[in-house]
């Protein structure tokens, strides 16, 4: 039941937005009472927080699996990161849209926690870029923080326009973005 409530809330939050979706809308869609809702969630905000936590914790776990093999180059890890982010949007588009669009509705403590988890994800990408600079896979004059923000800006905004059934698959779009990023990051011949 908990998962049914959460899945229906994800559908409604994506369709109507968090602010425009009431607890009554959710319970009517799941065909349960408000008492059932409150048995599993203390509030609509706690439900939103759980959706955010599920999404970011899954991203962090996938990132950990991706970065775990130390034999991979920084370039391979970066490519995997872009594929991960676009694939996640393809496979879990409704949750992705809520994660990127509805964060502003989290209560202060929850908001701070999600920001810290997002920052952890970002810092790990930054470390991969720094590793690539040290290994001379990438240009020596790159700013790892700014490059990470560029990568995240490209990938995170794709929830707005990426159509998994469209012209490009998630992997093709990822390959394009990686190619676009890396041609500006590869070492120059004279370095």
N, C-alpha and C. Protein backbone atom coordinates (compact mmCIF):
# COMPACT_ATOMS: atom_id res chain seq x y z
N UNK A 1 0.82 -1.20 0.00
CA UNK A 1 0.00 0.00 0.00
C UNK A 1 0.86 1.26 0.00
N UNK A 2 1.92 1.25 0.82
CA UNK A 2 2.81 2.42 0.90
C UNK A 2 3.35 2.76 -0.49
N UNK A 3 3.80 1.74 -1.20
CA UNK A 3 4.36 1.97 -2.53
C UNK A 3 3.29 2.44 -3.51
N UNK A 4 2.07 1.91 -3.39
CA UNK A 4 0.98 2.36 -4.26
C UNK A 4 0.68 3.84 -4.05
N UNK A 5 0.66 4.24 -2.79
CA UNK A 5 0.42 5.66 -2.48
C UNK A 5 1.54 6.51 -3.07
N UNK A 6 2.77 6.05 -2.89
CA UNK A 6 3.92 6.82 -3.40
C UNK A 6 3.88 6.91 -4.93
N UNK A 7 3.59 5.80 -5.59
CA UNK A 7 3.57 5.81 -7.06
C UNK A 7 2.47 6.71 -7.59
N UNK A 8 1.31 6.68 -6.96
CA UNK A 8 0.22 7.55 -7.40
C UNK A 8 0.55 9.01 -7.14
N UNK A 9 1.21 9.28 -6.02
CA UNK A 9 1.64 10.66 -5.72
C UNK A 9 2.65 11.13 -6.76
N UNK A 10 3.58 10.27 -7.14
CA UNK A 10 4.56 10.63 -8.17
C UNK A 10 3.83 11.01 -9.45
N UNK A 11 2.86 10.19 -9.85
CA UNK A 11 2.09 10.47 -11.06
C UNK A 11 1.39 11.83 -10.94
N UNK A 12 0.73 12.07 -9.81
CA UNK A 12 -0.02 13.31 -9.64
C UNK A 12 0.89 14.53 -9.49
N UNK A 13 1.98 14.40 -8.74
CA UNK A 13 2.92 15.52 -8.59
C UNK A 13 3.51 15.90 -9.94
N UNK A 14 3.79 14.89 -10.77
CA UNK A 14 4.34 15.18 -12.09
C UNK A 14 3.29 15.88 -12.96
N UNK A 15 2.08 15.39 -12.89
CA UNK A 15 1.01 15.91 -13.74
C UNK A 15 0.52 17.29 -13.30
N UNK A 16 0.23 17.45 -12.00
CA UNK A 16 -0.38 18.67 -11.50
C UNK A 16 0.57 19.58 -10.75
N UNK A 17 1.71 19.03 -10.33
CA UNK A 17 2.62 19.78 -9.46
C UNK A 17 2.32 19.46 -8.01
N UNK A 18 3.31 19.63 -7.17
CA UNK A 18 3.16 19.33 -5.75
C UNK A 18 2.11 20.21 -5.10
N UNK A 19 2.18 21.51 -5.34
CA UNK A 19 1.27 22.46 -4.69
C UNK A 19 -0.18 22.22 -5.07
N UNK A 20 -0.41 21.81 -6.29
CA UNK A 20 -1.78 21.64 -6.79
C UNK A 20 -2.36 20.27 -6.49
N UNK A 21 -1.57 19.37 -5.94
CA UNK A 21 -2.04 18.03 -5.60
C UNK A 21 -2.35 17.98 -4.11
N UNK A 22 -3.55 17.59 -3.79
CA UNK A 22 -3.94 17.49 -2.37
C UNK A 22 -3.82 16.04 -1.91
N UNK A 23 -3.81 15.86 -0.61
CA UNK A 23 -3.84 14.51 -0.06
C UNK A 23 -5.12 13.82 -0.51
N UNK A 24 -6.20 14.56 -0.59
CA UNK A 24 -7.47 14.00 -1.06
C UNK A 24 -7.32 13.46 -2.49
N UNK A 25 -6.63 14.19 -3.35
CA UNK A 25 -6.39 13.71 -4.72
C UNK A 25 -5.66 12.36 -4.70
N UNK A 26 -4.67 12.27 -3.83
CA UNK A 26 -3.85 11.05 -3.76
C UNK A 26 -4.69 9.88 -3.26
N UNK A 27 -5.42 10.07 -2.16
CA UNK A 27 -6.19 8.95 -1.60
C UNK A 27 -7.32 8.52 -2.53
N UNK A 28 -7.91 9.46 -3.24
CA UNK A 28 -8.95 9.09 -4.21
C UNK A 28 -8.37 8.27 -5.34
N UNK A 29 -7.18 8.63 -5.79
CA UNK A 29 -6.54 7.89 -6.89
C UNK A 29 -6.16 6.47 -6.47
N UNK A 30 -5.81 6.29 -5.20
CA UNK A 30 -5.40 4.97 -4.70
C UNK A 30 -6.59 4.20 -4.13
N UNK A 31 -7.71 4.88 -3.95
CA UNK A 31 -8.92 4.28 -3.38
C UNK A 31 -8.70 3.83 -1.94
N UNK A 32 -8.12 4.73 -1.16
CA UNK A 32 -7.93 4.48 0.28
C UNK A 32 -8.43 5.71 1.04
N UNK A 33 -8.45 5.60 2.34
CA UNK A 33 -8.88 6.72 3.18
C UNK A 33 -7.67 7.58 3.56
N UNK A 34 -7.97 8.76 4.06
CA UNK A 34 -6.89 9.61 4.57
C UNK A 34 -6.19 8.94 5.74
N UNK A 35 -6.93 8.17 6.51
CA UNK A 35 -6.32 7.43 7.61
C UNK A 35 -5.24 6.48 7.11
N UNK A 36 -5.50 5.83 5.98
CA UNK A 36 -4.49 4.94 5.38
C UNK A 36 -3.27 5.74 4.95
N UNK A 37 -3.51 6.90 4.36
CA UNK A 37 -2.39 7.76 3.96
C UNK A 37 -1.54 8.10 5.17
N UNK A 38 -2.19 8.56 6.24
CA UNK A 38 -1.45 9.00 7.43
C UNK A 38 -0.83 7.84 8.21
N UNK A 39 -1.27 6.64 7.94
CA UNK A 39 -0.62 5.48 8.54
C UNK A 39 0.80 5.33 7.99
N UNK A 40 0.97 5.67 6.71
CA UNK A 40 2.28 5.51 6.04
C UNK A 40 3.10 6.79 5.99
N UNK A 41 2.44 7.93 5.93
CA UNK A 41 3.15 9.21 5.78
C UNK A 41 2.57 10.22 6.76
N UNK A 42 3.42 11.01 7.37
CA UNK A 42 2.94 12.00 8.34
C UNK A 42 2.34 13.22 7.66
N UNK A 43 2.73 13.46 6.39
CA UNK A 43 2.24 14.63 5.67
C UNK A 43 2.56 14.47 4.18
N UNK A 44 2.00 15.35 3.40
CA UNK A 44 2.33 15.37 1.97
C UNK A 44 3.80 15.70 1.79
N UNK A 45 4.34 16.57 2.65
CA UNK A 45 5.75 16.95 2.58
C UNK A 45 6.66 15.77 2.90
N UNK A 46 6.25 14.93 3.86
CA UNK A 46 7.08 13.75 4.18
C UNK A 46 7.09 12.77 3.01
N UNK A 47 5.99 12.68 2.30
CA UNK A 47 5.92 11.85 1.10
C UNK A 47 6.85 12.41 0.02
N UNK A 48 6.83 13.72 -0.16
CA UNK A 48 7.74 14.35 -1.13
C UNK A 48 9.19 14.10 -0.75
N UNK A 49 9.49 14.20 0.53
CA UNK A 49 10.86 13.95 1.00
C UNK A 49 11.28 12.52 0.68
N UNK A 50 10.38 11.57 0.89
CA UNK A 50 10.71 10.17 0.60
C UNK A 50 10.97 9.97 -0.89
N UNK A 51 10.20 10.61 -1.73
CA UNK A 51 10.43 10.52 -3.18
C UNK A 51 11.81 11.07 -3.52
N UNK A 52 12.16 12.20 -2.93
CA UNK A 52 13.49 12.79 -3.15
C UNK A 52 14.60 11.87 -2.64
N UNK A 53 14.42 11.33 -1.45
CA UNK A 53 15.43 10.45 -0.88
C UNK A 53 15.62 9.20 -1.73
N UNK A 54 14.53 8.60 -2.17
CA UNK A 54 14.64 7.42 -3.03
C UNK A 54 15.46 7.73 -4.27
N UNK A 55 15.18 8.88 -4.88
CA UNK A 55 15.86 9.24 -6.13
C UNK A 55 17.35 9.49 -5.90
N UNK A 56 17.70 10.32 -4.92
CA UNK A 56 19.11 10.67 -4.73
C UNK A 56 19.90 9.48 -4.20
N UNK A 57 19.32 8.69 -3.32
CA UNK A 57 20.04 7.53 -2.79
C UNK A 57 20.31 6.51 -3.89
N UNK A 58 19.36 6.35 -4.80
CA UNK A 58 19.58 5.46 -5.94
C UNK A 58 20.69 5.99 -6.83
N UNK A 59 20.68 7.30 -7.09
CA UNK A 59 21.75 7.91 -7.90
C UNK A 59 23.12 7.72 -7.25
N UNK A 60 23.19 7.94 -5.95
CA UNK A 60 24.47 7.79 -5.24
C UNK A 60 24.95 6.33 -5.26
N UNK A 61 24.03 5.39 -5.10
CA UNK A 61 24.41 3.97 -5.14
C UNK A 61 24.92 3.59 -6.53
N UNK A 62 24.23 4.07 -7.57
CA UNK A 62 24.67 3.80 -8.94
C UNK A 62 26.02 4.45 -9.22
N UNK A 63 26.21 5.66 -8.73
CA UNK A 63 27.49 6.35 -8.90
C UNK A 63 28.60 5.57 -8.21
N UNK A 64 28.33 5.08 -7.03
CA UNK A 64 29.33 4.29 -6.29
C UNK A 64 29.71 3.04 -7.09
N UNK A 65 28.71 2.34 -7.62
CA UNK A 65 29.00 1.14 -8.43
C UNK A 65 29.82 1.51 -9.67
N UNK A 66 29.50 2.64 -10.24
CA UNK A 66 30.19 3.10 -11.45
C UNK A 66 31.64 3.47 -11.17
N UNK A 67 31.90 4.11 -10.04
CA UNK A 67 33.24 4.59 -9.72
C UNK A 67 34.08 3.57 -8.97
N UNK A 68 33.46 2.50 -8.50
CA UNK A 68 34.15 1.49 -7.70
C UNK A 68 35.35 0.86 -8.42
N UNK A 69 35.20 0.41 -9.66
CA UNK A 69 36.37 -0.19 -10.30
C UNK A 69 37.46 0.87 -10.52
N UNK A 70 38.54 0.76 -9.78
CA UNK A 70 39.59 1.78 -9.88
C UNK A 70 40.38 1.65 -11.17
N UNK A 71 40.16 0.57 -11.91
CA UNK A 71 40.88 0.39 -13.17
C UNK A 71 40.31 1.27 -14.28
N UNK A 72 39.11 1.81 -14.08
CA UNK A 72 38.51 2.66 -15.11
C UNK A 72 39.20 4.01 -15.17
N UNK A 73 39.29 4.53 -16.37
CA UNK A 73 39.86 5.86 -16.55
C UNK A 73 38.84 6.91 -16.11
N UNK A 74 39.31 8.11 -15.90
CA UNK A 74 38.41 9.21 -15.55
C UNK A 74 37.43 9.45 -16.70
N UNK A 75 37.90 9.30 -17.91
CA UNK A 75 37.03 9.48 -19.07
C UNK A 75 35.90 8.45 -19.05
N UNK A 76 36.21 7.20 -18.74
CA UNK A 76 35.18 6.16 -18.67
C UNK A 76 34.18 6.45 -17.56
N UNK A 77 34.67 6.92 -16.43
CA UNK A 77 33.78 7.25 -15.31
C UNK A 77 32.87 8.43 -15.67
N UNK A 78 33.43 9.41 -16.34
CA UNK A 78 32.64 10.57 -16.73
C UNK A 78 31.58 10.18 -17.75
N UNK A 79 31.97 9.35 -18.71
CA UNK A 79 31.01 8.85 -19.70
C UNK A 79 29.90 8.08 -18.99
N UNK A 80 30.27 7.22 -18.07
CA UNK A 80 29.29 6.45 -17.31
C UNK A 80 28.34 7.34 -16.52
N UNK A 81 28.85 8.45 -16.01
CA UNK A 81 28.03 9.38 -15.24
C UNK A 81 26.95 10.00 -16.12
N UNK A 82 27.33 10.42 -17.32
CA UNK A 82 26.35 11.03 -18.23
C UNK A 82 25.31 9.99 -18.64
N UNK A 83 25.77 8.77 -18.94
CA UNK A 83 24.83 7.70 -19.28
C UNK A 83 23.89 7.43 -18.11
N UNK A 84 24.43 7.37 -16.90
CA UNK A 84 23.63 7.14 -15.70
C UNK A 84 22.53 8.20 -15.56
N UNK A 85 22.89 9.45 -15.68
CA UNK A 85 21.91 10.52 -15.47
C UNK A 85 20.82 10.52 -16.54
N UNK A 86 21.19 10.30 -17.79
CA UNK A 86 20.17 10.27 -18.85
C UNK A 86 19.33 9.01 -18.78
N UNK A 87 19.94 7.89 -18.46
CA UNK A 87 19.20 6.64 -18.34
C UNK A 87 18.20 6.72 -17.19
N UNK A 88 18.62 7.35 -16.10
CA UNK A 88 17.73 7.51 -14.94
C UNK A 88 16.51 8.35 -15.33
N UNK A 89 16.73 9.39 -16.12
CA UNK A 89 15.62 10.21 -16.57
C UNK A 89 14.71 9.41 -17.50
N UNK A 90 15.32 8.56 -18.34
CA UNK A 90 14.53 7.72 -19.24
C UNK A 90 13.69 6.72 -18.44
N UNK A 91 14.32 6.04 -17.50
CA UNK A 91 13.65 4.96 -16.79
C UNK A 91 12.74 5.44 -15.67
N UNK A 92 13.01 6.60 -15.13
CA UNK A 92 12.28 7.08 -13.97
C UNK A 92 11.94 8.55 -14.14
N UNK A 93 11.40 8.87 -15.31
CA UNK A 93 11.17 10.27 -15.69
C UNK A 93 10.30 11.05 -14.74
N UNK A 94 9.22 10.44 -14.24
CA UNK A 94 8.32 11.17 -13.34
C UNK A 94 9.04 11.55 -12.05
N UNK A 95 9.76 10.60 -11.47
CA UNK A 95 10.51 10.90 -10.24
C UNK A 95 11.60 11.92 -10.51
N UNK A 96 12.23 11.83 -11.68
CA UNK A 96 13.28 12.80 -12.04
C UNK A 96 12.70 14.20 -12.10
N UNK A 97 11.56 14.34 -12.76
CA UNK A 97 10.95 15.67 -12.86
C UNK A 97 10.60 16.22 -11.47
N UNK A 98 10.09 15.37 -10.60
CA UNK A 98 9.77 15.81 -9.24
C UNK A 98 11.05 16.19 -8.50
N UNK A 99 12.09 15.39 -8.66
CA UNK A 99 13.36 15.64 -7.99
C UNK A 99 13.94 16.99 -8.39
N UNK A 100 13.89 17.32 -9.64
CA UNK A 100 14.48 18.58 -10.11
C UNK A 100 13.53 19.76 -9.95
N UNK A 101 12.23 19.52 -10.05
CA UNK A 101 11.27 20.61 -10.10
C UNK A 101 10.64 20.96 -8.75
N UNK A 102 10.46 19.98 -7.90
CA UNK A 102 9.66 20.20 -6.68
C UNK A 102 10.49 20.32 -5.40
N UNK A 103 11.80 20.37 -5.52
CA UNK A 103 12.65 20.42 -4.34
C UNK A 103 12.33 21.64 -3.46
N UNK A 104 11.93 22.70 -4.07
CA UNK A 104 11.66 23.94 -3.34
C UNK A 104 10.53 23.78 -2.31
N UNK A 105 9.75 22.71 -2.43
CA UNK A 105 8.64 22.50 -1.49
C UNK A 105 9.03 21.67 -0.27
N UNK A 106 10.28 21.23 -0.22
CA UNK A 106 10.72 20.47 0.95
C UNK A 106 10.86 21.41 2.15
N UNK A 107 10.57 20.88 3.32
CA UNK A 107 10.76 21.66 4.54
C UNK A 107 12.25 21.83 4.78
N UNK A 108 12.61 22.80 5.58
CA UNK A 108 14.01 23.22 5.73
C UNK A 108 14.97 22.07 6.04
N UNK A 109 14.65 21.23 7.01
CA UNK A 109 15.56 20.13 7.38
C UNK A 109 15.71 19.15 6.22
N UNK A 110 14.60 18.81 5.59
CA UNK A 110 14.65 17.90 4.45
C UNK A 110 15.39 18.52 3.27
N UNK A 111 15.12 19.78 3.05
CA UNK A 111 15.79 20.50 1.96
C UNK A 111 17.30 20.46 2.17
N UNK A 112 17.74 20.76 3.37
CA UNK A 112 19.18 20.77 3.67
C UNK A 112 19.79 19.40 3.47
N UNK A 113 19.08 18.37 3.87
CA UNK A 113 19.59 17.01 3.71
C UNK A 113 19.73 16.64 2.23
N UNK A 114 18.73 16.97 1.44
CA UNK A 114 18.79 16.66 0.00
C UNK A 114 19.91 17.46 -0.66
N UNK A 115 20.07 18.71 -0.29
CA UNK A 115 21.16 19.53 -0.84
C UNK A 115 22.51 18.88 -0.53
N UNK A 116 22.69 18.39 0.69
CA UNK A 116 23.95 17.75 1.06
C UNK A 116 24.18 16.48 0.23
N UNK A 117 23.14 15.69 0.02
CA UNK A 117 23.29 14.47 -0.79
C UNK A 117 23.58 14.82 -2.25
N UNK A 118 22.94 15.86 -2.77
CA UNK A 118 23.22 16.32 -4.14
C UNK A 118 24.67 16.81 -4.23
N UNK A 119 25.10 17.53 -3.20
CA UNK A 119 26.48 18.02 -3.19
C UNK A 119 27.47 16.87 -3.15
N UNK A 120 27.14 15.81 -2.44
CA UNK A 120 28.00 14.63 -2.42
C UNK A 120 28.13 14.05 -3.82
N UNK A 121 27.03 13.93 -4.53
CA UNK A 121 27.04 13.43 -5.91
C UNK A 121 27.93 14.33 -6.78
N UNK A 122 27.73 15.64 -6.65
CA UNK A 122 28.51 16.61 -7.43
C UNK A 122 29.99 16.53 -7.10
N UNK A 123 30.33 16.46 -5.81
CA UNK A 123 31.75 16.40 -5.41
C UNK A 123 32.45 15.16 -5.96
N UNK A 124 31.73 14.06 -6.03
CA UNK A 124 32.33 12.83 -6.56
C UNK A 124 32.63 12.96 -8.06
N UNK A 125 31.80 13.67 -8.78
CA UNK A 125 32.09 13.94 -10.19
C UNK A 125 33.31 14.85 -10.28
N UNK A 126 33.34 15.85 -9.43
CA UNK A 126 34.47 16.79 -9.39
C UNK A 126 35.78 16.04 -9.14
N UNK A 127 35.75 15.06 -8.25
CA UNK A 127 36.95 14.26 -7.96
C UNK A 127 37.40 13.47 -9.19
N UNK A 128 36.46 12.96 -9.96
CA UNK A 128 36.80 12.23 -11.19
C UNK A 128 37.46 13.19 -12.18
N UNK A 129 36.95 14.38 -12.30
CA UNK A 129 37.54 15.36 -13.22
C UNK A 129 38.94 15.75 -12.73
N UNK A 130 39.10 15.94 -11.44
CA UNK A 130 40.42 16.24 -10.87
C UNK A 130 41.38 15.08 -11.15
N UNK A 131 40.91 13.87 -10.97
CA UNK A 131 41.71 12.68 -11.27
C UNK A 131 42.14 12.69 -12.74
N UNK A 132 41.21 13.02 -13.64
CA UNK A 132 41.53 13.07 -15.06
C UNK A 132 42.55 14.15 -15.40
N UNK A 133 42.52 15.25 -14.67
CA UNK A 133 43.52 16.31 -14.86
C UNK A 133 44.89 15.80 -14.41
N UNK A 134 44.94 15.18 -13.24
CA UNK A 134 46.21 14.67 -12.71
C UNK A 134 46.79 13.56 -13.60
N UNK A 135 45.91 12.75 -14.17
CA UNK A 135 46.35 11.65 -15.05
C UNK A 135 46.62 12.11 -16.48
N UNK A 136 46.42 13.40 -16.72
CA UNK A 136 46.61 14.00 -18.04
C UNK A 136 45.64 13.46 -19.09
N UNK A 137 44.50 12.99 -18.62
CA UNK A 137 43.43 12.61 -19.55
C UNK A 137 42.70 13.86 -20.03
N UNK A 138 42.67 14.87 -19.17
CA UNK A 138 42.00 16.13 -19.46
C UNK A 138 43.01 17.27 -19.41
N UNK A 139 42.63 18.39 -20.00
CA UNK A 139 43.48 19.57 -19.99
C UNK A 139 43.88 19.96 -18.58
N UNK A 140 45.07 20.47 -18.45
CA UNK A 140 45.60 20.84 -17.14
C UNK A 140 44.99 22.12 -16.58
N UNK A 141 44.41 22.94 -17.42
CA UNK A 141 43.87 24.21 -16.94
C UNK A 141 42.35 24.17 -16.70
N UNK A 142 41.78 22.98 -16.63
CA UNK A 142 40.34 22.89 -16.36
C UNK A 142 40.03 23.29 -14.92
N UNK A 143 38.90 23.88 -14.73
CA UNK A 143 38.37 24.15 -13.40
C UNK A 143 37.40 23.01 -13.09
N UNK A 144 37.77 22.07 -12.20
CA UNK A 144 36.92 20.91 -11.94
C UNK A 144 35.51 21.27 -11.46
N UNK A 145 35.40 22.28 -10.61
CA UNK A 145 34.08 22.66 -10.08
C UNK A 145 33.18 23.19 -11.20
N UNK A 146 33.71 24.07 -12.01
CA UNK A 146 32.92 24.65 -13.10
C UNK A 146 32.59 23.61 -14.16
N UNK A 147 33.53 22.72 -14.45
CA UNK A 147 33.30 21.66 -15.43
C UNK A 147 32.21 20.72 -14.93
N UNK A 148 32.22 20.41 -13.65
CA UNK A 148 31.18 19.56 -13.06
C UNK A 148 29.82 20.21 -13.19
N UNK A 149 29.75 21.50 -12.90
CA UNK A 149 28.48 22.21 -13.02
C UNK A 149 27.99 22.22 -14.47
N UNK A 150 28.91 22.34 -15.42
CA UNK A 150 28.53 22.30 -16.83
C UNK A 150 27.95 20.94 -17.19
N UNK A 151 28.61 19.88 -16.74
CA UNK A 151 28.13 18.52 -17.01
C UNK A 151 26.74 18.33 -16.41
N UNK A 152 26.57 18.74 -15.16
CA UNK A 152 25.27 18.58 -14.51
C UNK A 152 24.21 19.47 -15.15
N UNK A 153 24.61 20.65 -15.60
CA UNK A 153 23.66 21.52 -16.28
C UNK A 153 23.14 20.90 -17.56
N UNK A 154 24.04 20.28 -18.30
CA UNK A 154 23.65 19.63 -19.55
C UNK A 154 22.71 18.46 -19.27
N UNK A 155 23.09 17.61 -18.32
CA UNK A 155 22.32 16.39 -18.09
C UNK A 155 21.04 16.62 -17.29
N UNK A 156 21.13 17.39 -16.23
CA UNK A 156 19.96 17.55 -15.35
C UNK A 156 18.80 18.25 -16.03
N UNK A 157 19.07 19.16 -16.91
CA UNK A 157 17.99 19.89 -17.57
C UNK A 157 17.29 19.02 -18.61
N UNK A 158 17.90 17.91 -18.99
CA UNK A 158 17.32 17.07 -20.04
C UNK A 158 15.97 16.49 -19.62
N UNK A 159 15.64 16.49 -18.34
CA UNK A 159 14.32 16.00 -17.94
C UNK A 159 13.22 16.84 -18.59
N UNK A 160 13.54 18.07 -18.98
CA UNK A 160 12.57 18.96 -19.60
C UNK A 160 12.28 18.60 -21.06
N UNK A 161 13.29 18.11 -21.75
CA UNK A 161 13.12 17.93 -23.19
C UNK A 161 13.38 16.51 -23.68
N UNK A 162 14.08 15.69 -22.90
CA UNK A 162 14.47 14.37 -23.39
C UNK A 162 13.26 13.46 -23.53
N UNK A 163 13.09 12.92 -24.73
CA UNK A 163 12.00 11.99 -25.02
C UNK A 163 12.61 10.62 -25.26
N UNK A 164 12.45 9.68 -24.33
CA UNK A 164 13.06 8.36 -24.49
C UNK A 164 12.60 7.63 -25.74
N UNK A 165 11.44 8.01 -26.27
CA UNK A 165 10.93 7.39 -27.49
C UNK A 165 11.23 8.24 -28.72
N UNK A 166 12.03 9.27 -28.54
CA UNK A 166 12.33 10.21 -29.62
C UNK A 166 13.45 9.75 -30.53
N UNK A 167 14.00 10.71 -31.24
CA UNK A 167 15.02 10.46 -32.25
C UNK A 167 16.28 9.81 -31.68
N UNK A 168 16.71 10.25 -30.51
CA UNK A 168 17.92 9.71 -29.88
C UNK A 168 17.57 8.85 -28.67
N UNK A 169 18.27 7.74 -28.54
CA UNK A 169 18.12 6.94 -27.32
C UNK A 169 18.88 7.65 -26.20
N UNK A 170 18.69 7.19 -24.98
CA UNK A 170 19.41 7.78 -23.86
C UNK A 170 20.92 7.61 -24.05
N UNK A 171 21.34 6.47 -24.56
CA UNK A 171 22.77 6.22 -24.76
C UNK A 171 23.33 7.07 -25.90
N UNK A 172 22.55 7.29 -26.94
CA UNK A 172 23.01 8.14 -28.04
C UNK A 172 23.13 9.60 -27.57
N UNK A 173 22.15 10.06 -26.81
CA UNK A 173 22.23 11.43 -26.28
C UNK A 173 23.42 11.56 -25.34
N UNK A 174 23.64 10.55 -24.51
CA UNK A 174 24.79 10.57 -23.59
C UNK A 174 26.10 10.60 -24.37
N UNK A 175 26.21 9.78 -25.41
CA UNK A 175 27.43 9.76 -26.22
C UNK A 175 27.67 11.13 -26.86
N UNK A 176 26.61 11.76 -27.31
CA UNK A 176 26.75 13.09 -27.90
C UNK A 176 27.26 14.10 -26.87
N UNK A 177 26.66 14.10 -25.68
CA UNK A 177 27.07 15.04 -24.64
C UNK A 177 28.51 14.80 -24.20
N UNK A 178 28.88 13.53 -24.05
CA UNK A 178 30.25 13.21 -23.64
C UNK A 178 31.22 13.68 -24.71
N UNK A 179 30.90 13.44 -25.96
CA UNK A 179 31.76 13.89 -27.05
C UNK A 179 31.88 15.41 -27.02
N UNK A 180 30.78 16.09 -26.81
CA UNK A 180 30.78 17.55 -26.73
C UNK A 180 31.65 18.04 -25.58
N UNK A 181 31.51 17.42 -24.42
CA UNK A 181 32.31 17.82 -23.26
C UNK A 181 33.79 17.48 -23.42
N UNK A 182 34.08 16.28 -23.87
CA UNK A 182 35.47 15.83 -23.90
C UNK A 182 36.32 16.49 -24.96
N UNK A 183 35.74 16.89 -26.04
CA UNK A 183 36.58 17.55 -27.04
C UNK A 183 37.14 18.87 -26.52
N UNK A 184 36.50 19.42 -25.55
CA UNK A 184 37.04 20.61 -24.90
C UNK A 184 37.92 20.26 -23.71
N UNK A 185 38.00 18.98 -23.37
CA UNK A 185 38.72 18.57 -22.17
C UNK A 185 39.96 17.73 -22.45
N UNK A 186 40.09 17.23 -23.64
CA UNK A 186 41.25 16.40 -23.95
C UNK A 186 42.52 17.24 -23.95
N UNK A 187 43.64 16.65 -23.55
CA UNK A 187 44.90 17.41 -23.54
C UNK A 187 45.26 17.88 -24.95
N UNK A 188 45.81 19.07 -25.01
CA UNK A 188 46.29 19.58 -26.29
C UNK A 188 47.61 18.91 -26.60
N UNK A 189 47.95 18.84 -27.86
CA UNK A 189 49.17 18.14 -28.29
C UNK A 189 50.43 18.70 -27.63
N UNK A 190 50.48 20.02 -27.41
CA UNK A 190 51.71 20.64 -26.88
C UNK A 190 51.79 20.61 -25.36
N UNK A 191 50.79 20.09 -24.65
CA UNK A 191 50.85 20.05 -23.18
C UNK A 191 51.72 18.92 -22.70
